[in-house]
């Protein structure tokens, strides 16, 4: 239990790339939600 040599989070394995991809996915989801909200408001008018 004391010797955990598995790097679950290491900057050498391109973690910053994974963070950038995750951020782009989140931004895309938020953008899609705002787009759907705006389209619903336009349909009501």
PDB file of N, CA and C in Angstrom:
ATOM      1  N   UNK A   1       0.825  -1.206   0.000  1.00  0.00           N
ATOM      2  CA  UNK A   1       0.000   0.000   0.000  1.00  0.00           C
ATOM      3  C   UNK A   1       0.860   1.257   0.000  1.00  0.00           C
ATOM      4  N   UNK A   2       2.037   1.170   0.614  1.00  0.00           N
ATOM      5  CA  UNK A   2       2.843   2.386   0.753  1.00  0.00           C
ATOM      6  C   UNK A   2       3.598   2.704  -0.528  1.00  0.00           C
ATOM      7  N   UNK A   3       3.839   1.710  -1.386  1.00  0.00           N
ATOM      8  CA  UNK A   3       4.618   1.952  -2.606  1.00  0.00           C
ATOM      9  C   UNK A   3       3.706   1.981  -3.827  1.00  0.00           C
ATOM     10  N   UNK A   4       3.137   3.174  -4.086  1.00  0.00           N
ATOM     11  CA  UNK A   4       2.302   3.346  -5.276  1.00  0.00           C
ATOM     12  C   UNK A   4       3.141   4.037  -6.335  1.00  0.00           C
ATOM     13  N   UNK A   5       3.656   3.267  -7.275  1.00  0.00           N
ATOM     14  CA  UNK A   5       4.533   3.814  -8.309  1.00  0.00           C
ATOM     15  C   UNK A   5       3.792   4.119  -9.608  1.00  0.00           C
ATOM     16  N   UNK A   6       2.463   4.049  -9.576  1.00  0.00           N
ATOM     17  CA  UNK A   6       1.679   4.312 -10.792  1.00  0.00           C
ATOM     18  C   UNK A   6       1.397   5.812 -10.879  1.00  0.00           C
ATOM     19  N   UNK A   7       1.926   6.482 -11.896  1.00  0.00           N
ATOM     20  CA  UNK A   7       1.676   7.922 -12.038  1.00  0.00           C
ATOM     21  C   UNK A   7       0.290   8.182 -12.592  1.00  0.00           C
ATOM     22  N   UNK A   8      -0.670   8.459 -11.708  1.00  0.00           N
ATOM     23  CA  UNK A   8      -2.028   8.724 -12.159  1.00  0.00           C
ATOM     24  C   UNK A   8      -2.131  10.122 -12.758  1.00  0.00           C
ATOM     25  N   UNK A   9      -1.268  11.023 -12.325  1.00  0.00           N
ATOM     26  CA  UNK A   9      -1.305  12.405 -12.814  1.00  0.00           C
ATOM     27  C   UNK A   9       0.119  12.911 -12.923  1.00  0.00           C
ATOM     28  N   UNK A  10       0.644  12.854 -14.132  1.00  0.00           N
ATOM     29  CA  UNK A  10       2.028  13.272 -14.350  1.00  0.00           C
ATOM     30  C   UNK A  10       2.096  14.231 -15.524  1.00  0.00           C
ATOM     31  N   UNK A  11       2.851  15.329 -15.356  1.00  0.00           N
ATOM     32  CA  UNK A  11       2.969  16.319 -16.417  1.00  0.00           C
ATOM     33  C   UNK A  11       3.815  15.798 -17.580  1.00  0.00           C
ATOM     34  N   UNK A  12       4.577  14.713 -17.354  1.00  0.00           N
ATOM     35  CA  UNK A  12       5.421  14.169 -18.414  1.00  0.00           C
ATOM     36  C   UNK A  12       4.607  13.375 -19.439  1.00  0.00           C
ATOM     37  N   UNK A  13       3.396  12.986 -19.077  1.00  0.00           N
ATOM     38  CA  UNK A  13       2.590  12.164 -19.982  1.00  0.00           C
ATOM     39  C   UNK A  13       1.634  13.005 -20.821  1.00  0.00           C
ATOM     40  N   UNK A  14       1.888  14.295 -20.953  1.00  0.00           N
ATOM     41  CA  UNK A  14       1.031  15.154 -21.763  1.00  0.00           C
ATOM     42  C   UNK A  14      -0.263  15.496 -21.060  1.00  0.00           C
ATOM     43  N   UNK A  15      -0.215  15.702 -19.744  1.00  0.00           N
ATOM     44  CA  UNK A  15      -1.429  16.018 -19.000  1.00  0.00           C
ATOM     45  C   UNK A  15      -1.973  17.377 -19.428  1.00  0.00           C
ATOM     46  N   UNK A  16      -1.084  18.285 -19.826  1.00  0.00           N
ATOM     47  CA  UNK A  16      -1.567  19.611 -20.249  1.00  0.00           C
ATOM     48  C   UNK A  16      -2.354  19.500 -21.544  1.00  0.00           C
ATOM     49  N   UNK A  17      -2.024  18.520 -22.382  1.00  0.00           N
ATOM     50  CA  UNK A  17      -2.803  18.305 -23.605  1.00  0.00           C
ATOM     51  C   UNK A  17      -4.195  17.785 -23.246  1.00  0.00           C
ATOM     52  N   UNK A  18      -4.264  16.871 -22.292  1.00  0.00           N
ATOM     53  CA  UNK A  18      -5.553  16.332 -21.881  1.00  0.00           C
ATOM     54  C   UNK A  18      -6.400  17.425 -21.239  1.00  0.00           C
ATOM     55  N   UNK A  19      -5.768  18.317 -20.460  1.00  0.00           N
ATOM     56  CA  UNK A  19      -6.499  19.423 -19.845  1.00  0.00           C
ATOM     57  C   UNK A  19      -7.032  20.351 -20.928  1.00  0.00           C
ATOM     58  N   UNK A  20      -6.234  20.612 -21.962  1.00  0.00           N
ATOM     59  CA  UNK A  20      -6.679  21.487 -23.055  1.00  0.00           C
ATOM     60  C   UNK A  20      -7.847  20.846 -23.801  1.00  0.00           C
ATOM     61  N   UNK A  21      -7.777  19.545 -24.073  1.00  0.00           N
ATOM     62  CA  UNK A  21      -8.876  18.854 -24.757  1.00  0.00           C
ATOM     63  C   UNK A  21     -10.131  18.888 -23.897  1.00  0.00           C
ATOM     64  N   UNK A  22      -9.977  18.645 -22.601  1.00  0.00           N
ATOM     65  CA  UNK A  22     -11.121  18.668 -21.696  1.00  0.00           C
ATOM     66  C   UNK A  22     -11.745  20.055 -21.657  1.00  0.00           C
ATOM     67  N   UNK A  23     -10.898  21.104 -21.629  1.00  0.00           N
ATOM     68  CA  UNK A  23     -11.406  22.484 -21.621  1.00  0.00           C
ATOM     69  C   UNK A  23     -12.162  22.775 -22.919  1.00  0.00           C
ATOM     70  N   UNK A  24     -11.645  22.309 -24.056  1.00  0.00           N
ATOM     71  CA  UNK A  24     -12.335  22.537 -25.330  1.00  0.00           C
ATOM     72  C   UNK A  24     -13.682  21.820 -25.351  1.00  0.00           C
ATOM     73  N   UNK A  25     -13.739  20.627 -24.782  1.00  0.00           N
ATOM     74  CA  UNK A  25     -15.006  19.889 -24.729  1.00  0.00           C
ATOM     75  C   UNK A  25     -16.012  20.642 -23.867  1.00  0.00           C
ATOM     76  N   UNK A  26     -15.582  21.136 -22.705  1.00  0.00           N
ATOM     77  CA  UNK A  26     -16.477  21.879 -21.823  1.00  0.00           C
ATOM     78  C   UNK A  26     -16.976  23.139 -22.517  1.00  0.00           C
ATOM     79  N   UNK A  27     -16.061  23.861 -23.196  1.00  0.00           N
ATOM     80  CA  UNK A  27     -16.457  25.077 -23.908  1.00  0.00           C
ATOM     81  C   UNK A  27     -17.454  24.738 -25.017  1.00  0.00           C
ATOM     82  N   UNK A  28     -17.226  23.619 -25.696  1.00  0.00           N
ATOM     83  CA  UNK A  28     -18.151  23.205 -26.745  1.00  0.00           C
ATOM     84  C   UNK A  28     -19.532  22.879 -26.195  1.00  0.00           C
ATOM     85  N   UNK A  29     -19.585  22.200 -25.053  1.00  0.00           N
ATOM     86  CA  UNK A  29     -20.874  21.864 -24.443  1.00  0.00           C
ATOM     87  C   UNK A  29     -21.600  23.126 -24.008  1.00  0.00           C
ATOM     88  N   UNK A  30     -20.880  24.055 -23.373  1.00  0.00           N
ATOM     89  CA  UNK A  30     -21.497  25.309 -22.936  1.00  0.00           C
ATOM     90  C   UNK A  30     -21.990  26.102 -24.146  1.00  0.00           C
ATOM     91  N   UNK A  31     -21.188  26.117 -25.215  1.00  0.00           N
ATOM     92  CA  UNK A  31     -21.610  26.818 -26.428  1.00  0.00           C
ATOM     93  C   UNK A  31     -22.861  26.193 -27.025  1.00  0.00           C
ATOM     94  N   UNK A  32     -22.941  24.872 -27.024  1.00  0.00           N
ATOM     95  CA  UNK A  32     -24.121  24.188 -27.557  1.00  0.00           C
ATOM     96  C   UNK A  32     -25.354  24.501 -26.717  1.00  0.00           C
ATOM     97  N   UNK A  33     -25.186  24.551 -25.396  1.00  0.00           N
ATOM     98  CA  UNK A  33     -26.314  24.864 -24.512  1.00  0.00           C
ATOM     99  C   UNK A  33     -26.808  26.286 -24.772  1.00  0.00           C
ATOM    100  N   UNK A  34     -25.882  27.242 -24.887  1.00  0.00           N
ATOM    101  CA  UNK A  34     -26.290  28.620 -25.167  1.00  0.00           C
ATOM    102  C   UNK A  34     -26.954  28.722 -26.533  1.00  0.00           C
ATOM    103  N   UNK A  35     -26.448  27.986 -27.518  1.00  0.00           N
ATOM    104  CA  UNK A  35     -27.041  28.005 -28.854  1.00  0.00           C
ATOM    105  C   UNK A  35     -28.463  27.456 -28.820  1.00  0.00           C
ATOM    106  N   UNK A  36     -28.673  26.377 -28.064  1.00  0.00           N
ATOM    107  CA  UNK A  36     -30.012  25.800 -27.948  1.00  0.00           C
ATOM    108  C   UNK A  36     -30.945  26.751 -27.215  1.00  0.00           C
ATOM    109  N   UNK A  37     -30.446  27.426 -26.163  1.00  0.00           N
ATOM    110  CA  UNK A  37     -31.270  28.387 -25.437  1.00  0.00           C
ATOM    111  C   UNK A  37     -31.672  29.541 -26.346  1.00  0.00           C
ATOM    112  N   UNK A  38     -30.728  30.042 -27.143  1.00  0.00           N
ATOM    113  CA  UNK A  38     -31.032  31.155 -28.028  1.00  0.00           C
ATOM    114  C   UNK A  38     -32.020  30.730 -29.112  1.00  0.00           C
ATOM    115  N   UNK A  39     -31.895  29.530 -29.622  1.00  0.00           N
ATOM    116  CA  UNK A  39     -32.804  29.082 -30.669  1.00  0.00           C
ATOM    117  C   UNK A  39     -34.217  28.892 -30.098  1.00  0.00           C
ATOM    118  N   UNK A  40     -34.331  28.457 -28.844  1.00  0.00           N
ATOM    119  CA  UNK A  40     -35.650  28.310 -28.229  1.00  0.00           C
ATOM    120  C   UNK A  40     -36.308  29.679 -28.044  1.00  0.00           C
ATOM    121  N   UNK A  41     -35.522  30.673 -27.643  1.00  0.00           N
ATOM    122  CA  UNK A  41     -36.081  32.015 -27.471  1.00  0.00           C
ATOM    123  C   UNK A  41     -36.541  32.581 -28.804  1.00  0.00           C
ATOM    124  N   UNK A  42     -35.815  32.299 -29.870  1.00  0.00           N
ATOM    125  CA  UNK A  42     -36.201  32.798 -31.191  1.00  0.00           C
ATOM    126  C   UNK A  42     -37.470  32.097 -31.678  1.00  0.00           C
ATOM    127  N   UNK A  43     -37.659  30.832 -31.322  1.00  0.00           N
ATOM    128  CA  UNK A  43     -38.872  30.123 -31.735  1.00  0.00           C
ATOM    129  C   UNK A  43     -40.092  30.690 -30.999  1.00  0.00           C
ATOM    130  N   UNK A  44     -39.916  31.114 -29.763  1.00  0.00           N
ATOM    131  CA  UNK A  44     -41.041  31.663 -29.007  1.00  0.00           C
ATOM    132  C   UNK A  44     -41.477  33.014 -29.556  1.00  0.00           C
ATOM    133  N   UNK A  45     -40.558  33.751 -30.162  1.00  0.00           N
ATOM    134  CA  UNK A  45     -40.920  35.065 -30.713  1.00  0.00           C
ATOM    135  C   UNK A  45     -41.555  34.926 -32.052  1.00  0.00           C
TER     136      UNK A  45
END
